[in-house]
Amino acid sequence: MPNVKELNDTVSLMDQMQTNEDGSIVLINVFTIDPADENALIEAWSHDAEFMKAQPGYISTQMHKGIGSSPTFINYAIWDSVESFRNAFINPEFQERIGRYPDSATVSPHLFKKMTIPGHCVA
């Protein structure tokens, strides 16, 4: 079972899942592990990704690995709504799958919304 460390000390993932934001959202999940557990992390994450891929509202996901000898990974997943993500996350089958992560794993999930910044970012 991974250790959960909130990415933000004032707003938890559970707080975020209670909102009714309109439109798509992005889950950023930062994983830190013991380097010896890299294969176990990838296996557990792949297992979860297969489940999430089949859930209503899922759009896409991408895992990233820190370069060099970094034991840090980032998952970037896009969902069509907070509600879709929440329904998948609280699904008992997904909750059971979380227990398959290596004990050295620390996860820091947080939800984001794409911003429009004139001249730089489009929504």
PDB file of N, CA and C in Angstrom:
ATOM      1  N   MET A   1       0.846  -1.175   0.000  1.00  0.00           N
ATOM      2  CA  MET A   1       0.000   0.000   0.000  1.00  0.00           C
ATOM      3  C   MET A   1       0.894   1.241   0.000  1.00  0.00           C
ATOM      4  N   PRO A   2       0.655   2.171  -0.912  1.00  0.00           N
ATOM      5  CA  PRO A   2       1.506   3.369  -0.951  1.00  0.00           C
ATOM      6  C   PRO A   2       1.176   4.333   0.184  1.00  0.00           C
ATOM      7  N   ASN A   3       2.147   5.153   0.526  1.00  0.00           N
ATOM      8  CA  ASN A   3       1.935   6.243   1.473  1.00  0.00           C
ATOM      9  C   ASN A   3       1.370   7.412   0.672  1.00  0.00           C
ATOM     10  N   VAL A   4       0.388   8.110   1.218  1.00  0.00           N
ATOM     11  CA  VAL A   4      -0.189   9.269   0.534  1.00  0.00           C
ATOM     12  C   VAL A   4       0.325  10.531   1.196  1.00  0.00           C
ATOM     13  N   LYS A   5       0.892  11.406   0.391  1.00  0.00           N
ATOM     14  CA  LYS A   5       1.346  12.708   0.859  1.00  0.00           C
ATOM     15  C   LYS A   5       0.671  13.748  -0.038  1.00  0.00           C
ATOM     16  N   GLU A   6      -0.223  14.520   0.536  1.00  0.00           N
ATOM     17  CA  GLU A   6      -0.950  15.510  -0.257  1.00  0.00           C
ATOM     18  C   GLU A   6       0.026  16.461  -0.930  1.00  0.00           C
ATOM     19  N   LEU A   7      -0.254  16.794  -2.162  1.00  0.00           N
ATOM     20  CA  LEU A   7       0.571  17.742  -2.898  1.00  0.00           C
ATOM     21  C   LEU A   7       0.381  19.157  -2.355  1.00  0.00           C
ATOM     22  N   ASN A   8      -0.803  19.413  -1.800  1.00  0.00           N
ATOM     23  CA  ASN A   8      -1.120  20.727  -1.239  1.00  0.00           C
ATOM     24  C   ASN A   8      -1.616  20.515   0.191  1.00  0.00           C
ATOM     25  N   ASP A   9      -1.058  21.243   1.130  1.00  0.00           N
ATOM     26  CA  ASP A   9      -1.422  21.067   2.539  1.00  0.00           C
ATOM     27  C   ASP A   9      -2.795  21.626   2.896  1.00  0.00           C
ATOM     28  N   THR A  10      -3.349  22.503   2.059  1.00  0.00           N
ATOM     29  CA  THR A  10      -4.635  23.122   2.414  1.00  0.00           C
ATOM     30  C   THR A  10      -5.825  22.547   1.665  1.00  0.00           C
ATOM     31  N   VAL A  11      -5.587  21.909   0.517  1.00  0.00           N
ATOM     32  CA  VAL A  11      -6.682  21.321  -0.267  1.00  0.00           C
ATOM     33  C   VAL A  11      -6.293  19.895  -0.630  1.00  0.00           C
ATOM     34  N   SER A  12      -7.001  18.935  -0.067  1.00  0.00           N
ATOM     35  CA  SER A  12      -6.691  17.525  -0.319  1.00  0.00           C
ATOM     36  C   SER A  12      -7.367  17.042  -1.602  1.00  0.00           C
ATOM     37  N   LEU A  13      -6.929  15.893  -2.078  1.00  0.00           N
ATOM     38  CA  LEU A  13      -7.581  15.277  -3.233  1.00  0.00           C
ATOM     39  C   LEU A  13      -9.055  15.022  -2.918  1.00  0.00           C
ATOM     40  N   MET A  14      -9.346  14.572  -1.717  1.00  0.00           N
ATOM     41  CA  MET A  14     -10.744  14.318  -1.340  1.00  0.00           C
ATOM     42  C   MET A  14     -11.569  15.608  -1.377  1.00  0.00           C
ATOM     43  N   ASP A  15     -10.985  16.722  -0.920  1.00  0.00           N
ATOM     44  CA  ASP A  15     -11.668  18.022  -1.014  1.00  0.00           C
ATOM     45  C   ASP A  15     -11.957  18.346  -2.472  1.00  0.00           C
ATOM     46  N   GLN A  16     -10.960  18.141  -3.318  1.00  0.00           N
ATOM     47  CA  GLN A  16     -11.116  18.460  -4.734  1.00  0.00           C
ATOM     48  C   GLN A  16     -12.188  17.601  -5.389  1.00  0.00           C
ATOM     49  N   MET A  17     -12.279  16.348  -4.994  1.00  0.00           N
ATOM     50  CA  MET A  17     -13.264  15.453  -5.607  1.00  0.00           C
ATOM     51  C   MET A  17     -14.705  15.817  -5.231  1.00  0.00           C
ATOM     52  N   GLN A  18     -14.877  16.669  -4.245  1.00  0.00           N
ATOM     53  CA  GLN A  18     -16.217  17.106  -3.851  1.00  0.00           C
ATOM     54  C   GLN A  18     -16.698  18.326  -4.630  1.00  0.00           C
ATOM     55  N   THR A  19     -15.830  18.909  -5.452  1.00  0.00           N
ATOM     56  CA  THR A  19     -16.212  20.102  -6.211  1.00  0.00           C
ATOM     57  C   THR A  19     -17.023  19.716  -7.435  1.00  0.00           C
ATOM     58  N   ASN A  20     -17.672  20.708  -8.013  1.00  0.00           N
ATOM     59  CA  ASN A  20     -18.464  20.501  -9.223  1.00  0.00           C
ATOM     60  C   ASN A  20     -17.915  21.352 -10.360  1.00  0.00           C
ATOM     61  N   GLU A  21     -16.601  21.332 -10.547  1.00  0.00           N
ATOM     62  CA  GLU A  21     -15.969  22.082 -11.634  1.00  0.00           C
ATOM     63  C   GLU A  21     -16.542  21.627 -12.967  1.00  0.00           C
ATOM     64  N   ASP A  22     -16.746  22.564 -13.870  1.00  0.00           N
ATOM     65  CA  ASP A  22     -17.191  22.229 -15.221  1.00  0.00           C
ATOM     66  C   ASP A  22     -15.997  21.866 -16.085  1.00  0.00           C
ATOM     67  N   GLY A  23     -16.203  20.982 -17.021  1.00  0.00           N
ATOM     68  CA  GLY A  23     -15.183  20.667 -18.012  1.00  0.00           C
ATOM     69  C   GLY A  23     -14.154  19.669 -17.549  1.00  0.00           C
ATOM     70  N   SER A  24     -13.206  19.435 -18.435  1.00  0.00           N
ATOM     71  CA  SER A  24     -12.197  18.419 -18.182  1.00  0.00           C
ATOM     72  C   SER A  24     -11.229  18.852 -17.076  1.00  0.00           C
ATOM     73  N   ILE A  25     -10.638  17.846 -16.467  1.00  0.00           N
ATOM     74  CA  ILE A  25      -9.653  18.063 -15.405  1.00  0.00           C
ATOM     75  C   ILE A  25      -8.441  17.182 -15.675  1.00  0.00           C
ATOM     76  N   VAL A  26      -7.335  17.525 -15.033  1.00  0.00           N
ATOM     77  CA  VAL A  26      -6.106  16.754 -15.151  1.00  0.00           C
ATOM     78  C   VAL A  26      -5.706  16.281 -13.761  1.00  0.00           C
ATOM     79  N   LEU A  27      -5.453  14.991 -13.651  1.00  0.00           N
ATOM     80  CA  LEU A  27      -4.871  14.430 -12.436  1.00  0.00           C
ATOM     81  C   LEU A  27      -3.364  14.403 -12.631  1.00  0.00           C
ATOM     82  N   ILE A  28      -2.644  15.003 -11.699  1.00  0.00           N
ATOM     83  CA  ILE A  28      -1.188  14.868 -11.643  1.00  0.00           C
ATOM     84  C   ILE A  28      -0.913  14.042 -10.390  1.00  0.00           C
ATOM     85  N   ASN A  29      -0.213  12.944 -10.566  1.00  0.00           N
ATOM     86  CA  ASN A  29       0.125  12.101  -9.427  1.00  0.00           C
ATOM     87  C   ASN A  29       1.633  11.887  -9.438  1.00  0.00           C
ATOM     88  N   VAL A  30       2.290  12.373  -8.394  1.00  0.00           N
ATOM     89  CA  VAL A  30       3.744  12.238  -8.259  1.00  0.00           C
ATOM     90  C   VAL A  30       4.027  11.000  -7.413  1.00  0.00           C
ATOM     91  N   PHE A  31       4.841  10.096  -7.946  1.00  0.00           N
ATOM     92  CA  PHE A  31       5.246   8.877  -7.250  1.00  0.00           C
ATOM     93  C   PHE A  31       6.734   8.974  -6.933  1.00  0.00           C
ATOM     94  N   THR A  32       7.094   8.660  -5.702  1.00  0.00           N
ATOM     95  CA  THR A  32       8.499   8.521  -5.329  1.00  0.00           C
ATOM     96  C   THR A  32       8.652   7.129  -4.742  1.00  0.00           C
ATOM     97  N   ILE A  33       9.678   6.411  -5.194  1.00  0.00           N
ATOM     98  CA  ILE A  33       9.856   5.022  -4.754  1.00  0.00           C
ATOM     99  C   ILE A  33      11.324   4.735  -4.468  1.00  0.00           C
ATOM    100  N   ASP A  34      11.560   3.606  -3.843  1.00  0.00           N
ATOM    101  CA  ASP A  34      12.905   3.057  -3.749  1.00  0.00           C
ATOM    102  C   ASP A  34      13.254   2.587  -5.164  1.00  0.00           C
ATOM    103  N   PRO A  35      14.425   2.944  -5.688  1.00  0.00           N
ATOM    104  CA  PRO A  35      14.773   2.543  -7.056  1.00  0.00           C
ATOM    105  C   PRO A  35      14.627   1.040  -7.321  1.00  0.00           C
ATOM    106  N   ALA A  36      14.808   0.221  -6.311  1.00  0.00           N
ATOM    107  CA  ALA A  36      14.675  -1.230  -6.484  1.00  0.00           C
ATOM    108  C   ALA A  36      13.240  -1.647  -6.795  1.00  0.00           C
ATOM    109  N   ASP A  37      12.276  -0.760  -6.521  1.00  0.00           N
ATOM    110  CA  ASP A  37      10.858  -1.069  -6.730  1.00  0.00           C
ATOM    111  C   ASP A  37      10.294  -0.519  -8.038  1.00  0.00           C
ATOM    112  N   GLU A  38      11.162  -0.051  -8.939  1.00  0.00           N
ATOM    113  CA  GLU A  38      10.687   0.555 -10.186  1.00  0.00           C
ATOM    114  C   GLU A  38       9.781  -0.392 -10.982  1.00  0.00           C
ATOM    115  N   ASN A  39      10.191  -1.628 -11.165  1.00  0.00           N
ATOM    116  CA  ASN A  39       9.375  -2.571 -11.940  1.00  0.00           C
ATOM    117  C   ASN A  39       8.032  -2.831 -11.262  1.00  0.00           C
ATOM    118  N   ALA A  40       8.033  -2.929  -9.934  1.00  0.00           N
ATOM    119  CA  ALA A  40       6.780  -3.155  -9.205  1.00  0.00           C
ATOM    120  C   ALA A  40       5.841  -1.964  -9.355  1.00  0.00           C
ATOM    121  N   LEU A  41       6.396  -0.748  -9.336  1.00  0.00           N
ATOM    122  CA  LEU A  41       5.569   0.445  -9.534  1.00  0.00           C
ATOM    123  C   LEU A  41       4.946   0.427 -10.927  1.00  0.00           C
ATOM    124  N   ILE A  42       5.753   0.176 -11.931  1.00  0.00           N
ATOM    125  CA  ILE A  42       5.253   0.183 -13.307  1.00  0.00           C
ATOM    126  C   ILE A  42       4.185  -0.892 -13.504  1.00  0.00           C
ATOM    127  N   GLU A  43       4.390  -2.036 -12.909  1.00  0.00           N
ATOM    128  CA  GLU A  43       3.397  -3.113 -13.012  1.00  0.00           C
ATOM    129  C   GLU A  43       2.074  -2.711 -12.349  1.00  0.00           C
ATOM    130  N   ALA A  44       2.149  -2.166 -11.129  1.00  0.00           N
ATOM    131  CA  ALA A  44       0.939  -1.746 -10.420  1.00  0.00           C
ATOM    132  C   ALA A  44       0.236  -0.616 -11.164  1.00  0.00           C
ATOM    133  N   TRP A  45       1.003   0.362 -11.633  1.00  0.00           N
ATOM    134  CA  TRP A  45       0.412   1.489 -12.358  1.00  0.00           C
ATOM    135  C   TRP A  45      -0.248   1.011 -13.645  1.00  0.00           C
ATOM    136  N   SER A  46       0.403   0.111 -14.380  1.00  0.00           N
ATOM    137  CA  SER A  46      -0.165  -0.416 -15.628  1.00  0.00           C
ATOM    138  C   SER A  46      -1.484  -1.132 -15.364  1.00  0.00           C
ATOM    139  N   HIS A  47      -1.528  -1.866 -14.285  1.00  0.00           N
ATOM    140  CA  HIS A  47      -2.750  -2.570 -13.885  1.00  0.00           C
ATOM    141  C   HIS A  47      -3.874  -1.558 -13.631  1.00  0.00           C
ATOM    142  N   ASP A  48      -3.556  -0.480 -12.906  1.00  0.00           N
ATOM    143  CA  ASP A  48      -4.536   0.583 -12.651  1.00  0.00           C
ATOM    144  C   ASP A  48      -4.958   1.281 -13.939  1.00  0.00           C
ATOM    145  N   ALA A  49      -3.987   1.560 -14.803  1.00  0.00           N
ATOM    146  CA  ALA A  49      -4.274   2.267 -16.046  1.00  0.00           C
ATOM    147  C   ALA A  49      -5.251   1.476 -16.912  1.00  0.00           C
ATOM    148  N   GLU A  50      -5.120   0.154 -16.942  1.00  0.00           N
ATOM    149  CA  GLU A  50      -6.059  -0.686 -17.698  1.00  0.00           C
ATOM    150  C   GLU A  50      -7.476  -0.529 -17.157  1.00  0.00           C
ATOM    151  N   PHE A  51      -7.600  -0.494 -15.840  1.00  0.00           N
ATOM    152  CA  PHE A  51      -8.915  -0.313 -15.229  1.00  0.00           C
ATOM    153  C   PHE A  51      -9.478   1.064 -15.568  1.00  0.00           C
ATOM    154  N   MET A  52      -8.680   2.112 -15.366  1.00  0.00           N
ATOM    155  CA  MET A  52      -9.147   3.480 -15.599  1.00  0.00           C
ATOM    156  C   MET A  52      -9.533   3.710 -17.054  1.00  0.00           C
ATOM    157  N   LYS A  53      -8.784   3.111 -17.961  1.00  0.00           N
ATOM    158  CA  LYS A  53      -9.046   3.245 -19.388  1.00  0.00           C
ATOM    159  C   LYS A  53     -10.465   2.808 -19.763  1.00  0.00           C
ATOM    160  N   ALA A  54     -11.012   1.886 -19.014  1.00  0.00           N
ATOM    161  CA  ALA A  54     -12.343   1.352 -19.296  1.00  0.00           C
ATOM    162  C   ALA A  54     -13.459   2.140 -18.608  1.00  0.00           C
ATOM    163  N   GLN A  55     -13.115   3.156 -17.830  1.00  0.00           N
ATOM    164  CA  GLN A  55     -14.116   3.897 -17.062  1.00  0.00           C
ATOM    165  C   GLN A  55     -14.712   5.045 -17.879  1.00  0.00           C
ATOM    166  N   PRO A  56     -16.004   5.319 -17.689  1.00  0.00           N
ATOM    167  CA  PRO A  56     -16.635   6.454 -18.385  1.00  0.00           C
ATOM    168  C   PRO A  56     -15.948   7.769 -18.010  1.00  0.00           C
ATOM    169  N   GLY A  57     -15.670   8.584 -19.005  1.00  0.00           N
ATOM    170  CA  GLY A  57     -15.061   9.891 -18.769  1.00  0.00           C
ATOM    171  C   GLY A  57     -13.557   9.924 -18.871  1.00  0.00           C
ATOM    172  N   TYR A  58     -12.922   8.764 -18.926  1.00  0.00           N
ATOM    173  CA  TYR A  58     -11.473   8.695 -19.094  1.00  0.00           C
ATOM    174  C   TYR A  58     -11.118   9.204 -20.486  1.00  0.00           C
ATOM    175  N   ILE A  59     -10.080  10.032 -20.582  1.00  0.00           N
ATOM    176  CA  ILE A  59      -9.618  10.517 -21.884  1.00  0.00           C
ATOM    177  C   ILE A  59      -8.245   9.938 -22.217  1.00  0.00           C
ATOM    178  N   SER A  60      -7.253  10.159 -21.354  1.00  0.00           N
ATOM    179  CA  SER A  60      -5.908   9.640 -21.642  1.00  0.00           C
ATOM    180  C   SER A  60      -5.035   9.696 -20.395  1.00  0.00           C
ATOM    181  N   THR A  61      -3.896   9.031 -20.473  1.00  0.00           N
ATOM    182  CA  THR A  61      -2.919   9.084 -19.393  1.00  0.00           C
ATOM    183  C   THR A  61      -1.517   8.936 -19.962  1.00  0.00           C
ATOM    184  N   GLN A  62      -0.547   9.440 -19.233  1.00  0.00           N
ATOM    185  CA  GLN A  62       0.856   9.317 -19.632  1.00  0.00           C
ATOM    186  C   GLN A  62       1.704   9.294 -18.369  1.00  0.00           C
ATOM    187  N   MET A  63       2.604   8.314 -18.281  1.00  0.00           N
ATOM    188  CA  MET A  63       3.537   8.242 -17.158  1.00  0.00           C
ATOM    189  C   MET A  63       4.861   8.861 -17.610  1.00  0.00           C
ATOM    190  N   HIS A  64       5.511   9.586 -16.706  1.00  0.00           N
ATOM    191  CA  HIS A  64       6.810  10.203 -16.964  1.00  0.00           C
ATOM    192  C   HIS A  64       7.766   9.758 -15.858  1.00  0.00           C
ATOM    193  N   LYS A  65       9.043   9.572 -16.223  1.00  0.00           N
ATOM    194  CA  LYS A  65      10.055   9.182 -15.243  1.00  0.00           C
ATOM    195  C   LYS A  65      11.103  10.276 -15.156  1.00  0.00           C
ATOM    196  N   GLY A  66      11.515  10.589 -13.936  1.00  0.00           N
ATOM    197  CA  GLY A  66      12.595  11.543 -13.745  1.00  0.00           C
ATOM    198  C   GLY A  66      13.851  11.053 -14.447  1.00  0.00           C
ATOM    199  N   ILE A  67      14.626  11.977 -15.004  1.00  0.00           N
ATOM    200  CA  ILE A  67      15.823  11.573 -15.727  1.00  0.00           C
ATOM    201  C   ILE A  67      16.989  11.335 -14.775  1.00  0.00           C
ATOM    202  N   GLY A  68      18.042  10.759 -15.309  1.00  0.00           N
ATOM    203  CA  GLY A  68      19.180  10.386 -14.469  1.00  0.00           C
ATOM    204  C   GLY A  68      18.773   9.216 -13.594  1.00  0.00           C
ATOM    205  N   SER A  69      19.204   9.219 -12.381  1.00  0.00           N
ATOM    206  CA  SER A  69      18.858   8.124 -11.465  1.00  0.00           C
ATOM    207  C   SER A  69      17.687   8.486 -10.557  1.00  0.00           C
ATOM    208  N   SER A  70      16.864   9.455 -10.981  1.00  0.00           N
ATOM    209  CA  SER A  70      15.733   9.904 -10.176  1.00  0.00           C
ATOM    210  C   SER A  70      14.712   8.787  -9.955  1.00  0.00           C
ATOM    211  N   PRO A  71      14.289   8.576  -8.700  1.00  0.00           N
ATOM    212  CA  PRO A  71      13.254   7.591  -8.411  1.00  0.00           C
ATOM    213  C   PRO A  71      11.855   8.219  -8.380  1.00  0.00           C
ATOM    214  N   THR A  72      11.677   9.297  -9.149  1.00  0.00           N
ATOM    215  CA  THR A  72      10.405  10.032  -9.160  1.00  0.00           C
ATOM    216  C   THR A  72       9.716   9.846 -10.508  1.00  0.00           C
ATOM    217  N   PHE A  73       8.415   9.591 -10.436  1.00  0.00           N
ATOM    218  CA  PHE A  73       7.572   9.407 -11.615  1.00  0.00           C
ATOM    219  C   PHE A  73       6.390  10.355 -11.500  1.00  0.00           C
ATOM    220  N   ILE A  74       5.861  10.778 -12.641  1.00  0.00           N
ATOM    221  CA  ILE A  74       4.654  11.606 -12.653  1.00  0.00           C
ATOM    222  C   ILE A  74       3.669  10.999 -13.639  1.00  0.00           C
ATOM    223  N   ASN A  75       2.453  10.795 -13.172  1.00  0.00           N
ATOM    224  CA  ASN A  75       1.358  10.369 -14.035  1.00  0.00           C
ATOM    225  C   ASN A  75       0.498  11.595 -14.329  1.00  0.00           C
ATOM    226  N   TYR A  76       0.183  11.782 -15.597  1.00  0.00           N
ATOM    227  CA  TYR A  76      -0.647  12.887 -16.069  1.00  0.00           C
ATOM    228  C   TYR A  76      -1.856  12.235 -16.726  1.00  0.00           C
ATOM    229  N   ALA A  77      -3.042  12.384 -16.131  1.00  0.00           N
ATOM    230  CA  ALA A  77      -4.250  11.742 -16.661  1.00  0.00           C
ATOM    231  C   ALA A  77      -5.335  12.778 -16.884  1.00  0.00           C
ATOM    232  N   ILE A  78      -6.008  12.687 -18.020  1.00  0.00           N
ATOM    233  CA  ILE A  78      -7.062  13.634 -18.367  1.00  0.00           C
ATOM    234  C   ILE A  78      -8.416  12.928 -18.264  1.00  0.00           C
ATOM    235  N   TRP A  79      -9.355  13.615 -17.597  1.00  0.00           N
ATOM    236  CA  TRP A  79     -10.720  13.113 -17.419  1.00  0.00           C
ATOM    237  C   TRP A  79     -11.694  14.177 -17.911  1.00  0.00           C
ATOM    238  N   ASP A  80     -12.863  13.758 -18.369  1.00  0.00           N
ATOM    239  CA  ASP A  80     -13.830  14.726 -18.886  1.00  0.00           C
ATOM    240  C   ASP A  80     -14.513  15.540 -17.792  1.00  0.00           C
ATOM    241  N   SER A  81     -14.412  15.077 -16.531  1.00  0.00           N
ATOM    242  CA  SER A  81     -15.030  15.821 -15.427  1.00  0.00           C
ATOM    243  C   SER A  81     -14.526  15.304 -14.083  1.00  0.00           C
ATOM    244  N   VAL A  82     -14.725  16.114 -13.060  1.00  0.00           N
ATOM    245  CA  VAL A  82     -14.414  15.680 -11.694  1.00  0.00           C
ATOM    246  C   VAL A  82     -15.280  14.476 -11.342  1.00  0.00           C
ATOM    247  N   GLU A  83     -16.548  14.539 -11.724  1.00  0.00           N
ATOM    248  CA  GLU A  83     -17.473  13.443 -11.412  1.00  0.00           C
ATOM    249  C   GLU A  83     -16.989  12.111 -11.990  1.00  0.00           C
ATOM    250  N   SER A  84     -16.542  12.110 -13.230  1.00  0.00           N
ATOM    251  CA  SER A  84     -16.049  10.874 -13.850  1.00  0.00           C
ATOM    252  C   SER A  84     -14.843  10.331 -13.096  1.00  0.00           C
ATOM    253  N   PHE A  85     -13.897  11.217 -12.773  1.00  0.00           N
ATOM    254  CA  PHE A  85     -12.722  10.779 -12.025  1.00  0.00           C
ATOM    255  C   PHE A  85     -13.134  10.240 -10.662  1.00  0.00           C
ATOM    256  N   ARG A  86     -13.998  10.974  -9.964  1.00  0.00           N
ATOM    257  CA  ARG A  86     -14.446  10.561  -8.628  1.00  0.00           C
ATOM    258  C   ARG A  86     -15.082   9.169  -8.682  1.00  0.00           C
ATOM    259  N   ASN A  87     -15.974   8.950  -9.661  1.00  0.00           N
ATOM    260  CA  ASN A  87     -16.653   7.657  -9.759  1.00  0.00           C
ATOM    261  C   ASN A  87     -15.659   6.518  -9.980  1.00  0.00           C
ATOM    262  N   ALA A  88     -14.651   6.756 -10.812  1.00  0.00           N
ATOM    263  CA  ALA A  88     -13.635   5.727 -11.046  1.00  0.00           C
ATOM    264  C   ALA A  88     -12.784   5.512  -9.798  1.00  0.00           C
ATOM    265  N   PHE A  89     -12.399   6.606  -9.139  1.00  0.00           N
ATOM    266  CA  PHE A  89     -11.512   6.540  -7.979  1.00  0.00           C
ATOM    267  C   PHE A  89     -12.173   5.812  -6.805  1.00  0.00           C
ATOM    268  N   ILE A  90     -13.442   6.057  -6.559  1.00  0.00           N
ATOM    269  CA  ILE A  90     -14.105   5.435  -5.409  1.00  0.00           C
ATOM    270  C   ILE A  90     -14.629   4.034  -5.709  1.00  0.00           C
ATOM    271  N   ASN A  91     -14.506   3.590  -6.946  1.00  0.00           N
ATOM    272  CA  ASN A  91     -14.928   2.249  -7.317  1.00  0.00           C
ATOM    273  C   ASN A  91     -14.174   1.238  -6.448  1.00  0.00           C
ATOM    274  N   PRO A  92     -14.884   0.309  -5.807  1.00  0.00           N
ATOM    275  CA  PRO A  92     -14.220  -0.658  -4.927  1.00  0.00           C
ATOM    276  C   PRO A  92     -13.108  -1.457  -5.619  1.00  0.00           C
ATOM    277  N   GLU A  93     -13.278  -1.758  -6.906  1.00  0.00           N
ATOM    278  CA  GLU A  93     -12.233  -2.500  -7.613  1.00  0.00           C
ATOM    279  C   GLU A  93     -10.950  -1.672  -7.701  1.00  0.00           C
ATOM    280  N   PHE A  94     -11.082  -0.367  -7.981  1.00  0.00           N
ATOM    281  CA  PHE A  94      -9.885   0.478  -8.024  1.00  0.00           C
ATOM    282  C   PHE A  94      -9.263   0.589  -6.640  1.00  0.00           C
ATOM    283  N   GLN A  95     -10.071   0.755  -5.616  1.00  0.00           N
ATOM    284  CA  GLN A  95      -9.540   0.861  -4.253  1.00  0.00           C
ATOM    285  C   GLN A  95      -8.747  -0.386  -3.861  1.00  0.00           C
ATOM    286  N   GLU A  96      -9.195  -1.550  -4.315  1.00  0.00           N
ATOM    287  CA  GLU A  96      -8.466  -2.792  -4.042  1.00  0.00           C
ATOM    288  C   GLU A  96      -7.130  -2.798  -4.774  1.00  0.00           C
ATOM    289  N   ARG A  97      -7.087  -2.252  -5.970  1.00  0.00           N
ATOM    290  CA  ARG A  97      -5.870  -2.235  -6.781  1.00  0.00           C
ATOM    291  C   ARG A  97      -4.777  -1.359  -6.157  1.00  0.00           C
ATOM    292  N   ILE A  98      -5.161  -0.336  -5.431  1.00  0.00           N
ATOM    293  CA  ILE A  98      -4.180   0.569  -4.821  1.00  0.00           C
ATOM    294  C   ILE A  98      -3.223  -0.195  -3.899  1.00  0.00           C
ATOM    295  N   GLY A  99      -3.716  -1.249  -3.289  1.00  0.00           N
ATOM    296  CA  GLY A  99      -2.897  -2.044  -2.379  1.00  0.00           C
ATOM    297  C   GLY A  99      -1.756  -2.788  -3.046  1.00  0.00           C
ATOM    298  N   ARG A 100      -1.713  -2.786  -4.369  1.00  0.00           N
ATOM    299  CA  ARG A 100      -0.672  -3.532  -5.096  1.00  0.00           C
ATOM    300  C   ARG A 100       0.603  -2.723  -5.329  1.00  0.00           C
ATOM    301  N   TYR A 101       0.600  -1.463  -4.917  1.00  0.00           N
ATOM    302  CA  TYR A 101       1.803  -0.648  -5.100  1.00  0.00           C
ATOM    303  C   TYR A 101       2.856  -1.049  -4.083  1.00  0.00           C
ATOM    304  N   PRO A 102       4.136  -0.904  -4.435  1.00  0.00           N
ATOM    305  CA  PRO A 102       5.187  -1.267  -3.472  1.00  0.00           C
ATOM    306  C   PRO A 102       5.111  -0.406  -2.203  1.00  0.00           C
ATOM    307  N   ASP A 103       5.503  -0.993  -1.100  1.00  0.00           N
ATOM    308  CA  ASP A 103       5.451  -0.283   0.185  1.00  0.00           C
ATOM    309  C   ASP A 103       6.321   0.967   0.194  1.00  0.00           C
ATOM    310  N   SER A 104       7.348   1.019  -0.642  1.00  0.00           N
ATOM    311  CA  SER A 104       8.221   2.198  -0.666  1.00  0.00           C
ATOM    312  C   SER A 104       7.590   3.376  -1.409  1.00  0.00           C
ATOM    313  N   ALA A 105       6.468   3.142  -2.076  1.00  0.00           N
ATOM    314  CA  ALA A 105       5.851   4.198  -2.890  1.00  0.00           C
ATOM    315  C   ALA A 105       5.192   5.267  -2.026  1.00  0.00           C
ATOM    316  N   THR A 106       5.484   6.514  -2.368  1.00  0.00           N
ATOM    317  CA  THR A 106       4.759   7.661  -1.821  1.00  0.00           C
ATOM    318  C   THR A 106       4.064   8.314  -3.000  1.00  0.00           C
ATOM    319  N   VAL A 107       2.751   8.540  -2.877  1.00  0.00           N
ATOM    320  CA  VAL A 107       1.973   9.137  -3.958  1.00  0.00           C
ATOM    321  C   VAL A 107       1.428  10.490  -3.519  1.00  0.00           C
ATOM    322  N   SER A 108       1.401  11.424  -4.464  1.00  0.00           N
ATOM    323  CA  SER A 108       0.894  12.774  -4.194  1.00  0.00           C
ATOM    324  C   SER A 108      -0.038  13.180  -5.338  1.00  0.00           C
ATOM    325  N   PRO A 109      -1.316  12.764  -5.270  1.00  0.00           N
ATOM    326  CA  PRO A 109      -2.260  13.096  -6.334  1.00  0.00           C
ATOM    327  C   PRO A 109      -2.928  14.448  -6.103  1.00  0.00           C
ATOM    328  N   HIS A 110      -3.222  15.143  -7.195  1.00  0.00           N
ATOM    329  CA  HIS A 110      -3.895  16.448  -7.119  1.00  0.00           C
ATOM    330  C   HIS A 110      -4.585  16.698  -8.455  1.00  0.00           C
ATOM    331  N   LEU A 111      -5.739  17.366  -8.417  1.00  0.00           N
ATOM    332  CA  LEU A 111      -6.497  17.664  -9.632  1.00  0.00           C
ATOM    333  C   LEU A 111      -6.258  19.108 -10.073  1.00  0.00           C
ATOM    334  N   PHE A 112      -6.189  19.301 -11.381  1.00  0.00           N
ATOM    335  CA  PHE A 112      -5.930  20.613 -11.966  1.00  0.00           C
ATOM    336  C   PHE A 112      -6.899  20.874 -13.111  1.00  0.00           C
ATOM    337  N   LYS A 113      -7.043  22.142 -13.440  1.00  0.00           N
ATOM    338  CA  LYS A 113      -7.853  22.566 -14.575  1.00  0.00           C
ATOM    339  C   LYS A 113      -6.957  23.396 -15.484  1.00  0.00           C
ATOM    340  N   LYS A 114      -7.078  23.141 -16.779  1.00  0.00           N
ATOM    341  CA  LYS A 114      -6.297  23.872 -17.772  1.00  0.00           C
ATOM    342  C   LYS A 114      -6.646  25.364 -17.721  1.00  0.00           C
ATOM    343  N   MET A 115      -5.647  26.214 -17.839  1.00  0.00           N
ATOM    344  CA  MET A 115      -5.844  27.673 -17.783  1.00  0.00           C
ATOM    345  C   MET A 115      -5.672  28.295 -19.154  1.00  0.00           C
ATOM    346  N   THR A 116      -6.326  29.438 -19.323  1.00  0.00           N
ATOM    347  CA  THR A 116      -6.086  30.280 -20.487  1.00  0.00           C
ATOM    348  C   THR A 116      -5.289  31.469 -20.027  1.00  0.00           C
ATOM    349  N   ILE A 117      -4.115  31.669 -20.630  1.00  0.00           N
ATOM    350  CA  ILE A 117      -3.269  32.822 -20.329  1.00  0.00           C
ATOM    351  C   ILE A 117      -2.935  33.438 -21.694  1.00  0.00           C
ATOM    352  N   PRO A 118      -3.514  34.605 -21.977  1.00  0.00           N
ATOM    353  CA  PRO A 118      -3.326  35.212 -23.309  1.00  0.00           C
ATOM    354  C   PRO A 118      -1.862  35.262 -23.735  1.00  0.00           C
ATOM    355  N   GLY A 119      -1.643  34.813 -24.954  1.00  0.00           N
ATOM    356  CA  GLY A 119      -0.298  34.814 -25.527  1.00  0.00           C
ATOM    357  C   GLY A 119       0.534  33.615 -25.152  1.00  0.00           C
ATOM    358  N   HIS A 120       0.021  32.757 -24.253  1.00  0.00           N
ATOM    359  CA  HIS A 120       0.819  31.625 -23.797  1.00  0.00           C
ATOM    360  C   HIS A 120       0.061  30.303 -23.777  1.00  0.00           C
ATOM    361  N   CYS A 121      -1.117  30.282 -23.194  1.00  0.00           N
ATOM    362  CA  CYS A 121      -1.851  29.038 -22.994  1.00  0.00           C
ATOM    363  C   CYS A 121      -3.295  29.189 -23.495  1.00  0.00           C
ATOM    364  N   VAL A 122      -3.768  28.190 -24.203  1.00  0.00           N
ATOM    365  CA  VAL A 122      -5.159  28.188 -24.659  1.00  0.00           C
ATOM    366  C   VAL A 122      -5.926  27.106 -23.935  1.00  0.00           C
ATOM    367  N   ALA A 123      -7.174  27.356 -23.678  1.00  0.00           N
ATOM    368  CA  ALA A 123      -8.010  26.368 -22.963  1.00  0.00           C
ATOM    369  C   ALA A 123      -8.535  25.322 -23.923  1.00  0.00           C
TER     370      ALA A 123
END
